[in-house]
Amino acid sequence: MKNSNFIKQILLPTDFSSHSTCAYQFALELAQKSGAGLTLLHVIEPPYNFASELEETREVLKKFSLSRLKELKESKSGIDLDKIEIDTRVRTGMTVPTVLEQIRKTGADLVVMGSKGATGLKKVLFGSIATDIMEKAPIPVLTVPDSESPPKIKKLLFTTDFRKGDLDNLKWLFELAGHYKAGVHALHVTRALDFETEIRYRGFEDYIRDHNALEKLKFDLVENDRLTDGIAGFLNKNPVSIIAINRYYKSLYQALLKKDHTREIIDHFRMPIIVLPGSVTAT
């Protein structure tokens, strides 16, 4: 399949837990649609409490990990694996630096990770490893909650604070949506629907349309004192398949990581979440 300039390589870190299978299925489907290659990665953290037997232990763990990666790769998917270039890697080291290193070495354009529904999503947003990857990865990171089958992608929600760089991230998200023939909806949550907010909203909408001709893009303003309450209220009336968060928005991304928003995230955001770094597309 012809490879586009959108996504050429997907990196899937896995710890072999059950939820990794759903993330793998999602990554396979996207690789099939985009023509991208897929790298399955397992990181073995050194067992420092067994330093005297470190080399022997490492070899045993590596063989076991390679076997598990093979099982995951060959698990029933309904997708012709012969048409997707799949690479398996086992590396030893600290997880976050190793994943970041493999992003560079594989030339990955997207990281896909699994989560366990509510508990897993809380872990993804607040757990040190996943959060560090989200905060430090130079490419988009997509988390997929555990379910019996990969999510059906019909509509993507682009949360925005009208900041510089939105256009690049929006273009990237439209590329992703295009592979699923899905729609994209832009949302801004504000504490007050005043004149200044309306001007920013109108200006942003006109700017996006003038520079990108996204006629099918829908915009919405929601008034709410709390960011997550505003998003949750919107989702109750407008179901989406993926929520996109821009990482360089300190006011937006960090707000979602505050502990007082835990309950809203667990109750309402049990769906794939993608964190986009600034300027994910070339200009």
C-alpha atoms as a PDB file:
ATOM      1  CA  MET A   1       0.000   0.000   0.000  1.00  0.00           C
ATOM      2  CA  LYS A   2       1.243   3.452  -0.884  1.00  0.00           C
ATOM      3  CA  ASN A   3       2.615   5.303   2.117  1.00  0.00           C
ATOM      4  CA  SER A   4       1.412   8.893   2.581  1.00  0.00           C
ATOM      5  CA  ASN A   5       3.287  11.729   4.270  1.00  0.00           C
ATOM      6  CA  PHE A   6       0.866  11.627   7.189  1.00  0.00           C
ATOM      7  CA  ILE A   7       1.977   8.634   9.261  1.00  0.00           C
ATOM      8  CA  LYS A   8       4.818   6.443   8.096  1.00  0.00           C
ATOM      9  CA  GLN A   9       5.676   4.602  11.314  1.00  0.00           C
ATOM     10  CA  ILE A  10       3.662   3.757  14.440  1.00  0.00           C
ATOM     11  CA  LEU A  11       5.297   2.794  17.740  1.00  0.00           C
ATOM     12  CA  LEU A  12       3.335   0.600  20.162  1.00  0.00           C
ATOM     13  CA  PRO A  13       4.963   0.185  23.595  1.00  0.00           C
ATOM     14  CA  THR A  14       3.436  -2.793  25.406  1.00  0.00           C
ATOM     15  CA  ASP A  15       3.679  -4.379  28.835  1.00  0.00           C
ATOM     16  CA  PHE A  16       1.760  -7.495  27.657  1.00  0.00           C
ATOM     17  CA  SER A  17      -1.273  -6.713  29.793  1.00  0.00           C
ATOM     18  CA  SER A  18      -4.689  -7.548  28.338  1.00  0.00           C
ATOM     19  CA  HIS A  19      -5.452  -3.984  27.272  1.00  0.00           C
ATOM     20  CA  SER A  20      -2.435  -4.004  24.959  1.00  0.00           C
ATOM     21  CA  THR A  21      -4.378  -6.216  22.547  1.00  0.00           C
ATOM     22  CA  CYS A  22      -7.002  -3.538  21.859  1.00  0.00           C
ATOM     23  CA  ALA A  23      -4.316  -0.908  21.315  1.00  0.00           C
ATOM     24  CA  TYR A  24      -2.555  -3.312  18.941  1.00  0.00           C
ATOM     25  CA  GLN A  25      -5.741  -3.867  16.961  1.00  0.00           C
ATOM     26  CA  PHE A  26      -6.240  -0.112  16.674  1.00  0.00           C
ATOM     27  CA  ALA A  27      -2.630   0.406  15.587  1.00  0.00           C
ATOM     28  CA  LEU A  28      -2.943  -2.386  13.010  1.00  0.00           C
ATOM     29  CA  GLU A  29      -6.084  -0.860  11.540  1.00  0.00           C
ATOM     30  CA  LEU A  30      -4.471   2.580  11.282  1.00  0.00           C
ATOM     31  CA  ALA A  31      -1.317   1.083   9.770  1.00  0.00           C
ATOM     32  CA  GLN A  32      -3.454  -0.667   7.179  1.00  0.00           C
ATOM     33  CA  LYS A  33      -5.351   2.509   6.325  1.00  0.00           C
ATOM     34  CA  SER A  34      -2.294   4.780   6.205  1.00  0.00           C
ATOM     35  CA  GLY A  35       0.260   2.354   4.793  1.00  0.00           C
ATOM     36  CA  ALA A  36       2.469   2.899   7.848  1.00  0.00           C
ATOM     37  CA  GLY A  37       4.871   0.427   9.385  1.00  0.00           C
ATOM     38  CA  LEU A  38       4.355  -0.749  12.964  1.00  0.00           C
ATOM     39  CA  THR A  39       6.953  -1.333  15.678  1.00  0.00           C
ATOM     40  CA  LEU A  40       6.006  -3.371  18.763  1.00  0.00           C
ATOM     41  CA  LEU A  41       8.227  -2.440  21.698  1.00  0.00           C
ATOM     42  CA  HIS A  42       8.697  -3.985  25.125  1.00  0.00           C
ATOM     43  CA  VAL A  43      11.077  -2.384  27.609  1.00  0.00           C
ATOM     44  CA  ILE A  44      12.736  -4.508  30.300  1.00  0.00           C
ATOM     45  CA  GLU A  45      13.714  -2.441  33.300  1.00  0.00           C
ATOM     46  CA  PRO A  46      16.941  -3.867  34.826  1.00  0.00           C
ATOM     47  CA  PRO A  47      16.354  -5.961  38.000  1.00  0.00           C
ATOM     48  CA  TYR A  48      18.923  -4.124  40.054  1.00  0.00           C
ATOM     49  CA  ASN A  49      18.189  -6.266  43.098  1.00  0.00           C
ATOM     50  CA  PHE A  50      19.743  -9.191  41.200  1.00  0.00           C
ATOM     51  CA  ALA A  51      22.874  -7.417  40.014  1.00  0.00           C
ATOM     52  CA  SER A  52      25.087 -10.493  40.291  1.00  0.00           C
ATOM     53  CA  GLU A  53      22.807 -12.395  37.898  1.00  0.00           C
ATOM     54  CA  LEU A  54      21.842  -9.418  35.762  1.00  0.00           C
ATOM     55  CA  GLU A  55      23.119 -10.732  32.414  1.00  0.00           C
ATOM     56  CA  GLU A  56      21.524 -14.158  32.824  1.00  0.00           C
ATOM     57  CA  THR A  57      18.255 -12.642  34.010  1.00  0.00           C
ATOM     58  CA  ARG A  58      18.246 -10.173  31.119  1.00  0.00           C
ATOM     59  CA  GLU A  59      18.628 -12.940  28.545  1.00  0.00           C
ATOM     60  CA  VAL A  60      15.793 -14.952  30.059  1.00  0.00           C
ATOM     61  CA  LEU A  61      13.522 -11.918  30.127  1.00  0.00           C
ATOM     62  CA  LYS A  62      14.488 -10.990  26.571  1.00  0.00           C
ATOM     63  CA  LYS A  63      13.617 -14.441  25.217  1.00  0.00           C
ATOM     64  CA  PHE A  64      10.333 -14.414  27.109  1.00  0.00           C
ATOM     65  CA  SER A  65       9.526 -10.900  25.862  1.00  0.00           C
ATOM     66  CA  LEU A  66      10.290 -11.772  22.242  1.00  0.00           C
ATOM     67  CA  SER A  67       7.981 -14.757  22.549  1.00  0.00           C
ATOM     68  CA  ARG A  68       5.191 -12.576  23.949  1.00  0.00           C
ATOM     69  CA  LEU A  69       5.696  -9.990  21.190  1.00  0.00           C
ATOM     70  CA  LYS A  70       5.375 -12.764  18.617  1.00  0.00           C
ATOM     71  CA  GLU A  71       2.131 -13.909  20.238  1.00  0.00           C
ATOM     72  CA  LEU A  72       0.786 -10.362  20.162  1.00  0.00           C
ATOM     73  CA  LYS A  73       1.856  -9.884  16.554  1.00  0.00           C
ATOM     74  CA  GLU A  74       0.142 -13.110  15.474  1.00  0.00           C
ATOM     75  CA  SER A  75      -3.017 -12.627  17.550  1.00  0.00           C
ATOM     76  CA  LYS A  76      -6.274 -12.795  15.604  1.00  0.00           C
ATOM     77  CA  SER A  77      -6.938  -9.412  14.014  1.00  0.00           C
ATOM     78  CA  GLY A  78      -8.879  -9.926  10.792  1.00  0.00           C
ATOM     79  CA  ILE A  79      -6.191  -7.893   9.024  1.00  0.00           C
ATOM     80  CA  ASP A  80      -3.767  -9.262   6.441  1.00  0.00           C
ATOM     81  CA  LEU A  81      -0.474  -8.941   8.305  1.00  0.00           C
ATOM     82  CA  ASP A  82       1.505  -9.640   5.139  1.00  0.00           C
ATOM     83  CA  LYS A  83       0.544  -6.184   3.894  1.00  0.00           C
ATOM     84  CA  ILE A  84       1.907  -4.417   7.000  1.00  0.00           C
ATOM     85  CA  GLU A  85       5.577  -4.160   7.879  1.00  0.00           C
ATOM     86  CA  ILE A  86       5.730  -5.140  11.564  1.00  0.00           C
ATOM     87  CA  ASP A  87       8.914  -4.947  13.603  1.00  0.00           C
ATOM     88  CA  THR A  88       9.352  -6.306  17.145  1.00  0.00           C
ATOM     89  CA  ARG A  89      11.890  -4.904  19.579  1.00  0.00           C
ATOM     90  CA  VAL A  90      12.927  -5.693  23.128  1.00  0.00           C
ATOM     91  CA  ARG A  91      15.139  -3.165  24.865  1.00  0.00           C
ATOM     92  CA  THR A  92      16.612  -2.951  28.363  1.00  0.00           C
ATOM     93  CA  GLY A  93      16.580   0.320  30.266  1.00  0.00           C
ATOM     94  CA  MET A  94      14.311   2.813  31.968  1.00  0.00           C
ATOM     95  CA  THR A  95      10.979   2.875  30.185  1.00  0.00           C
ATOM     96  CA  VAL A  96      10.486   6.551  29.360  1.00  0.00           C
ATOM     97  CA  PRO A  97      13.987   7.316  28.015  1.00  0.00           C
ATOM     98  CA  THR A  98      13.932   4.046  26.068  1.00  0.00           C
ATOM     99  CA  VAL A  99      10.563   4.800  24.457  1.00  0.00           C
ATOM    100  CA  LEU A 100      11.748   8.304  23.548  1.00  0.00           C
ATOM    101  CA  GLU A 101      14.933   6.836  22.093  1.00  0.00           C
ATOM    102  CA  GLN A 102      12.947   4.330  20.029  1.00  0.00           C
ATOM    103  CA  ILE A 103      10.741   7.125  18.704  1.00  0.00           C
ATOM    104  CA  ARG A 104      13.884   8.651  17.247  1.00  0.00           C
ATOM    105  CA  LYS A 105      15.439   5.402  16.030  1.00  0.00           C
ATOM    106  CA  THR A 106      12.296   4.041  14.385  1.00  0.00           C
ATOM    107  CA  GLY A 107      11.316   7.393  12.910  1.00  0.00           C
ATOM    108  CA  ALA A 108       7.869   6.992  14.472  1.00  0.00           C
ATOM    109  CA  ASP A 109       5.163   9.553  13.710  1.00  0.00           C
ATOM    110  CA  LEU A 110       2.690   8.302  16.320  1.00  0.00           C
ATOM    111  CA  VAL A 111       2.780   6.425  19.632  1.00  0.00           C
ATOM    112  CA  VAL A 112      -0.213   4.213  20.445  1.00  0.00           C
ATOM    113  CA  MET A 113      -0.657   2.993  24.029  1.00  0.00           C
ATOM    114  CA  GLY A 114      -3.287   0.914  25.801  1.00  0.00           C
ATOM    115  CA  SER A 115      -5.275   1.775  28.930  1.00  0.00           C
ATOM    116  CA  LYS A 116      -7.723  -0.141  31.133  1.00  0.00           C
ATOM    117  CA  GLY A 117     -10.921   1.887  30.868  1.00  0.00           C
ATOM    118  CA  ALA A 118     -11.566   4.079  33.898  1.00  0.00           C
ATOM    119  CA  THR A 119      -8.744   2.792  36.061  1.00  0.00           C
ATOM    120  CA  GLY A 120      -6.378   2.658  33.133  1.00  0.00           C
ATOM    121  CA  LEU A 121      -7.303   6.118  31.918  1.00  0.00           C
ATOM    122  CA  LYS A 122      -6.643   7.522  35.365  1.00  0.00           C
ATOM    123  CA  LYS A 123      -3.287   5.754  35.276  1.00  0.00           C
ATOM    124  CA  VAL A 124      -2.567   7.104  31.792  1.00  0.00           C
ATOM    125  CA  LEU A 125      -3.273  10.700  32.803  1.00  0.00           C
ATOM    126  CA  PHE A 126      -1.628  10.565  36.232  1.00  0.00           C
ATOM    127  CA  GLY A 127       0.800   7.646  36.085  1.00  0.00           C
ATOM    128  CA  SER A 128       4.377   8.860  35.900  1.00  0.00           C
ATOM    129  CA  ILE A 129       5.509   6.733  32.937  1.00  0.00           C
ATOM    130  CA  ALA A 130       2.634   7.428  30.540  1.00  0.00           C
ATOM    131  CA  THR A 131       2.438  11.063  31.583  1.00  0.00           C
ATOM    132  CA  ASP A 132       6.168  11.505  31.027  1.00  0.00           C
ATOM    133  CA  ILE A 133       5.849  10.021  27.544  1.00  0.00           C
ATOM    134  CA  MET A 134       2.928  12.333  26.771  1.00  0.00           C
ATOM    135  CA  GLU A 135       4.830  15.359  28.026  1.00  0.00           C
ATOM    136  CA  LYS A 136       8.166  14.570  26.392  1.00  0.00           C
ATOM    137  CA  ALA A 137       7.341  12.798  23.132  1.00  0.00           C
ATOM    138  CA  PRO A 138       7.980  14.983  20.070  1.00  0.00           C
ATOM    139  CA  ILE A 139       5.118  13.229  18.254  1.00  0.00           C
ATOM    140  CA  PRO A 140       1.407  12.621  18.974  1.00  0.00           C
ATOM    141  CA  VAL A 141       0.584  10.027  21.656  1.00  0.00           C
ATOM    142  CA  LEU A 142      -2.737   8.169  21.438  1.00  0.00           C
ATOM    143  CA  THR A 143      -4.157   6.125  24.318  1.00  0.00           C
ATOM    144  CA  VAL A 144      -6.738   3.418  23.619  1.00  0.00           C
ATOM    145  CA  PRO A 145      -8.959   2.156  26.479  1.00  0.00           C
ATOM    146  CA  ASP A 146      -9.510  -1.555  26.896  1.00  0.00           C
ATOM    147  CA  SER A 147     -12.554  -3.031  25.150  1.00  0.00           C
ATOM    148  CA  GLU A 148     -13.599  -6.152  23.280  1.00  0.00           C
ATOM    149  CA  SER A 149     -12.865  -4.489  19.943  1.00  0.00           C
ATOM    150  CA  PRO A 150     -11.064  -1.361  18.699  1.00  0.00           C
ATOM    151  CA  PRO A 151     -13.142   1.847  18.851  1.00  0.00           C
ATOM    152  CA  LYS A 152     -15.134   2.844  15.783  1.00  0.00           C
ATOM    153  CA  ILE A 153     -13.873   6.245  14.714  1.00  0.00           C
ATOM    154  CA  LYS A 154     -16.752   8.472  13.589  1.00  0.00           C
ATOM    155  CA  LYS A 155     -16.038  11.916  15.040  1.00  0.00           C
ATOM    156  CA  LEU A 156     -12.980  13.577  16.594  1.00  0.00           C
ATOM    157  CA  LEU A 157     -13.086  16.446  19.082  1.00  0.00           C
ATOM    158  CA  PHE A 158     -10.362  19.097  18.804  1.00  0.00           C
ATOM    159  CA  THR A 159     -10.140  21.093  22.038  1.00  0.00           C
ATOM    160  CA  THR A 160      -8.702  24.543  21.456  1.00  0.00           C
ATOM    161  CA  ASP A 161      -7.791  27.688  23.340  1.00  0.00           C
ATOM    162  CA  PHE A 162      -7.167  29.658  20.126  1.00  0.00           C
ATOM    163  CA  ARG A 163      -3.396  29.474  20.515  1.00  0.00           C
ATOM    164  CA  LYS A 164      -0.577  29.672  17.993  1.00  0.00           C
ATOM    165  CA  GLY A 165       0.030  26.302  16.353  1.00  0.00           C
ATOM    166  CA  ASP A 166      -3.592  25.182  16.295  1.00  0.00           C
ATOM    167  CA  LEU A 167      -3.705  25.153  12.526  1.00  0.00           C
ATOM    168  CA  ASP A 168      -0.867  22.612  12.234  1.00  0.00           C
ATOM    169  CA  ASN A 169      -2.438  20.307  14.797  1.00  0.00           C
ATOM    170  CA  LEU A 170      -5.849  20.674  13.216  1.00  0.00           C
ATOM    171  CA  LYS A 171      -4.440  19.721   9.813  1.00  0.00           C
ATOM    172  CA  TRP A 172      -2.866  16.631  11.365  1.00  0.00           C
ATOM    173  CA  LEU A 173      -6.129  15.649  13.036  1.00  0.00           C
ATOM    174  CA  PHE A 174      -8.011  16.067   9.754  1.00  0.00           C
ATOM    175  CA  GLU A 175      -5.531  13.688   8.132  1.00  0.00           C
ATOM    176  CA  LEU A 176      -6.250  11.137  10.854  1.00  0.00           C
ATOM    177  CA  ALA A 177      -9.997  11.623  10.488  1.00  0.00           C
ATOM    178  CA  GLY A 178      -9.723  11.220   6.729  1.00  0.00           C
ATOM    179  CA  HIS A 179      -8.510   7.634   7.081  1.00  0.00           C
ATOM    180  CA  TYR A 180     -11.743   6.808   8.885  1.00  0.00           C
ATOM    181  CA  LYS A 181     -13.992   9.166   6.915  1.00  0.00           C
ATOM    182  CA  ALA A 182     -14.748  10.777  10.253  1.00  0.00           C
ATOM    183  CA  GLY A 183     -15.781  14.318  11.086  1.00  0.00           C
ATOM    184  CA  VAL A 184     -13.870  16.835  13.214  1.00  0.00           C
ATOM    185  CA  HIS A 185     -15.459  19.179  15.750  1.00  0.00           C
ATOM    186  CA  ALA A 186     -13.543  22.074  17.360  1.00  0.00           C
ATOM    187  CA  LEU A 187     -14.489  23.103  20.903  1.00  0.00           C
ATOM    188  CA  HIS A 188     -13.495  25.993  23.147  1.00  0.00           C
ATOM    189  CA  VAL A 189     -14.576  26.138  26.787  1.00  0.00           C
ATOM    190  CA  THR A 190     -14.759  29.626  28.272  1.00  0.00           C
ATOM    191  CA  ARG A 191     -15.815  31.031  31.624  1.00  0.00           C
ATOM    192  CA  ALA A 192     -17.753  33.842  29.994  1.00  0.00           C
ATOM    193  CA  LEU A 193     -19.300  34.271  26.538  1.00  0.00           C
ATOM    194  CA  ASP A 194     -18.303  37.917  26.394  1.00  0.00           C
ATOM    195  CA  PHE A 195     -17.390  40.207  23.504  1.00  0.00           C
ATOM    196  CA  GLU A 196     -13.660  39.413  23.664  1.00  0.00           C
ATOM    197  CA  THR A 197     -14.283  35.656  23.550  1.00  0.00           C
ATOM    198  CA  GLU A 198     -16.693  36.066  20.647  1.00  0.00           C
ATOM    199  CA  ILE A 199     -14.126  38.100  18.688  1.00  0.00           C
ATOM    200  CA  ARG A 200     -11.398  35.501  19.299  1.00  0.00           C
ATOM    201  CA  TYR A 201     -13.778  32.734  18.297  1.00  0.00           C
ATOM    202  CA  ARG A 202     -14.893  34.461  15.099  1.00  0.00           C
ATOM    203  CA  GLY A 203     -11.332  35.366  14.201  1.00  0.00           C
ATOM    204  CA  PHE A 204     -10.088  31.835  14.782  1.00  0.00           C
ATOM    205  CA  GLU A 205     -12.918  30.341  12.751  1.00  0.00           C
ATOM    206  CA  ASP A 206     -12.289  32.718   9.837  1.00  0.00           C
ATOM    207  CA  TYR A 207      -8.535  32.151  10.020  1.00  0.00           C
ATOM    208  CA  ILE A 208      -8.895  28.357   9.885  1.00  0.00           C
ATOM    209  CA  ARG A 209     -11.297  28.481   6.956  1.00  0.00           C
ATOM    210  CA  ASP A 210      -9.214  31.032   5.022  1.00  0.00           C
ATOM    211  CA  HIS A 211      -5.954  29.125   5.444  1.00  0.00           C
ATOM    212  CA  ASN A 212      -7.107  25.536   5.305  1.00  0.00           C
ATOM    213  CA  ALA A 213     -10.475  25.458   3.555  1.00  0.00           C
ATOM    214  CA  LEU A 214     -11.941  23.131   6.184  1.00  0.00           C
ATOM    215  CA  GLU A 215     -15.540  23.598   5.158  1.00  0.00           C
ATOM    216  CA  LYS A 216     -16.685  20.521   7.081  1.00  0.00           C
ATOM    217  CA  LEU A 217     -15.146  21.620  10.361  1.00  0.00           C
ATOM    218  CA  LYS A 218     -17.712  22.448  13.049  1.00  0.00           C
ATOM    219  CA  PHE A 219     -17.026  24.962  15.823  1.00  0.00           C
ATOM    220  CA  ASP A 220     -18.616  25.297  19.236  1.00  0.00           C
ATOM    221  CA  LEU A 221     -18.247  27.587  22.233  1.00  0.00           C
ATOM    222  CA  VAL A 222     -19.247  26.255  25.660  1.00  0.00           C
ATOM    223  CA  GLU A 223     -19.586  28.398  28.764  1.00  0.00           C
ATOM    224  CA  ASN A 224     -18.451  26.690  31.974  1.00  0.00           C
ATOM    225  CA  ASP A 225     -16.222  27.571  34.913  1.00  0.00           C
ATOM    226  CA  ARG A 226     -14.553  24.179  34.767  1.00  0.00           C
ATOM    227  CA  LEU A 227     -12.803  22.922  31.666  1.00  0.00           C
ATOM    228  CA  THR A 228     -13.651  19.251  32.124  1.00  0.00           C
ATOM    229  CA  ASP A 229     -17.273  19.999  33.045  1.00  0.00           C
ATOM    230  CA  GLY A 230     -17.592  21.996  29.835  1.00  0.00           C
ATOM    231  CA  ILE A 231     -16.116  19.199  27.738  1.00  0.00           C
ATOM    232  CA  ALA A 232     -18.198  16.578  29.534  1.00  0.00           C
ATOM    233  CA  GLY A 233     -21.397  18.566  28.975  1.00  0.00           C
ATOM    234  CA  PHE A 234     -20.595  18.849  25.295  1.00  0.00           C
ATOM    235  CA  LEU A 235     -19.902  15.103  25.060  1.00  0.00           C
ATOM    236  CA  ASN A 236     -23.239  14.257  26.646  1.00  0.00           C
ATOM    237  CA  LYS A 237     -25.006  15.861  23.687  1.00  0.00           C
ATOM    238  CA  ASN A 238     -22.352  15.274  21.025  1.00  0.00           C
ATOM    239  CA  PRO A 239     -20.682  11.847  21.287  1.00  0.00           C
ATOM    240  CA  VAL A 240     -17.196  11.639  19.799  1.00  0.00           C
ATOM    241  CA  SER A 241     -14.700   8.836  19.235  1.00  0.00           C
ATOM    242  CA  ILE A 242     -11.433  10.609  20.125  1.00  0.00           C
ATOM    243  CA  ILE A 243     -10.566  13.692  22.182  1.00  0.00           C
ATOM    244  CA  ALA A 244      -7.531  15.641  20.974  1.00  0.00           C
ATOM    245  CA  ILE A 245      -5.610  17.756  23.499  1.00  0.00           C
ATOM    246  CA  ASN A 246      -2.858  20.189  22.539  1.00  0.00           C
ATOM    247  CA  ARG A 247       0.136  19.662  24.790  1.00  0.00           C
ATOM    248  CA  TYR A 248       1.692  23.094  24.460  1.00  0.00           C
ATOM    249  CA  TYR A 249      -1.445  24.622  26.006  1.00  0.00           C
ATOM    250  CA  LYS A 250      -0.415  24.973  29.606  1.00  0.00           C
ATOM    251  CA  SER A 251      -3.908  26.173  30.457  1.00  0.00           C
ATOM    252  CA  LEU A 252      -5.529  23.169  28.768  1.00  0.00           C
ATOM    253  CA  TYR A 253      -3.251  20.134  29.048  1.00  0.00           C
ATOM    254  CA  GLN A 254      -2.119  20.801  32.607  1.00  0.00           C
ATOM    255  CA  ALA A 255      -5.682  21.532  33.685  1.00  0.00           C
ATOM    256  CA  LEU A 256      -6.639  17.988  32.709  1.00  0.00           C
ATOM    257  CA  LEU A 257      -3.872  16.620  34.924  1.00  0.00           C
ATOM    258  CA  LYS A 258      -5.028  18.410  38.089  1.00  0.00           C
ATOM    259  CA  LYS A 259      -6.340  16.063  40.753  1.00  0.00           C
ATOM    260  CA  ASP A 260      -9.616  17.921  41.176  1.00  0.00           C
ATOM    261  CA  HIS A 261     -10.559  16.830  37.633  1.00  0.00           C
ATOM    262  CA  THR A 262      -9.991  13.120  38.246  1.00  0.00           C
ATOM    263  CA  ARG A 263     -13.655  12.194  38.651  1.00  0.00           C
ATOM    264  CA  GLU A 264     -14.771  14.037  35.510  1.00  0.00           C
ATOM    265  CA  ILE A 265     -12.083  12.354  33.443  1.00  0.00           C
ATOM    266  CA  ILE A 266     -12.920   8.875  34.749  1.00  0.00           C
ATOM    267  CA  ASP A 267     -16.688   9.317  34.386  1.00  0.00           C
ATOM    268  CA  HIS A 268     -16.874  11.070  31.032  1.00  0.00           C
ATOM    269  CA  PHE A 269     -13.656  10.601  29.072  1.00  0.00           C
ATOM    270  CA  ARG A 270     -13.502   6.822  28.738  1.00  0.00           C
ATOM    271  CA  MET A 271     -12.448   6.943  25.106  1.00  0.00           C
ATOM    272  CA  PRO A 272      -9.247   7.311  23.086  1.00  0.00           C
ATOM    273  CA  ILE A 273      -7.332  10.474  23.930  1.00  0.00           C
ATOM    274  CA  ILE A 274      -4.589  11.895  21.734  1.00  0.00           C
ATOM    275  CA  VAL A 275      -2.072  14.433  22.989  1.00  0.00           C
ATOM    276  CA  LEU A 276      -0.659  16.595  20.192  1.00  0.00           C
ATOM    277  CA  PRO A 277       2.650  18.451  20.587  1.00  0.00           C
ATOM    278  CA  GLY A 278       3.000  21.857  19.009  1.00  0.00           C
ATOM    279  CA  SER A 279       3.440  21.936  15.223  1.00  0.00           C
ATOM    280  CA  VAL A 280       3.138  18.210  14.501  1.00  0.00           C
ATOM    281  CA  THR A 281       3.146  18.887  10.752  1.00  0.00           C
ATOM    282  CA  ALA A 282       5.822  20.417   8.647  1.00  0.00           C
ATOM    283  CA  THR A 283       5.336  24.005   7.541  1.00  0.00           C
END
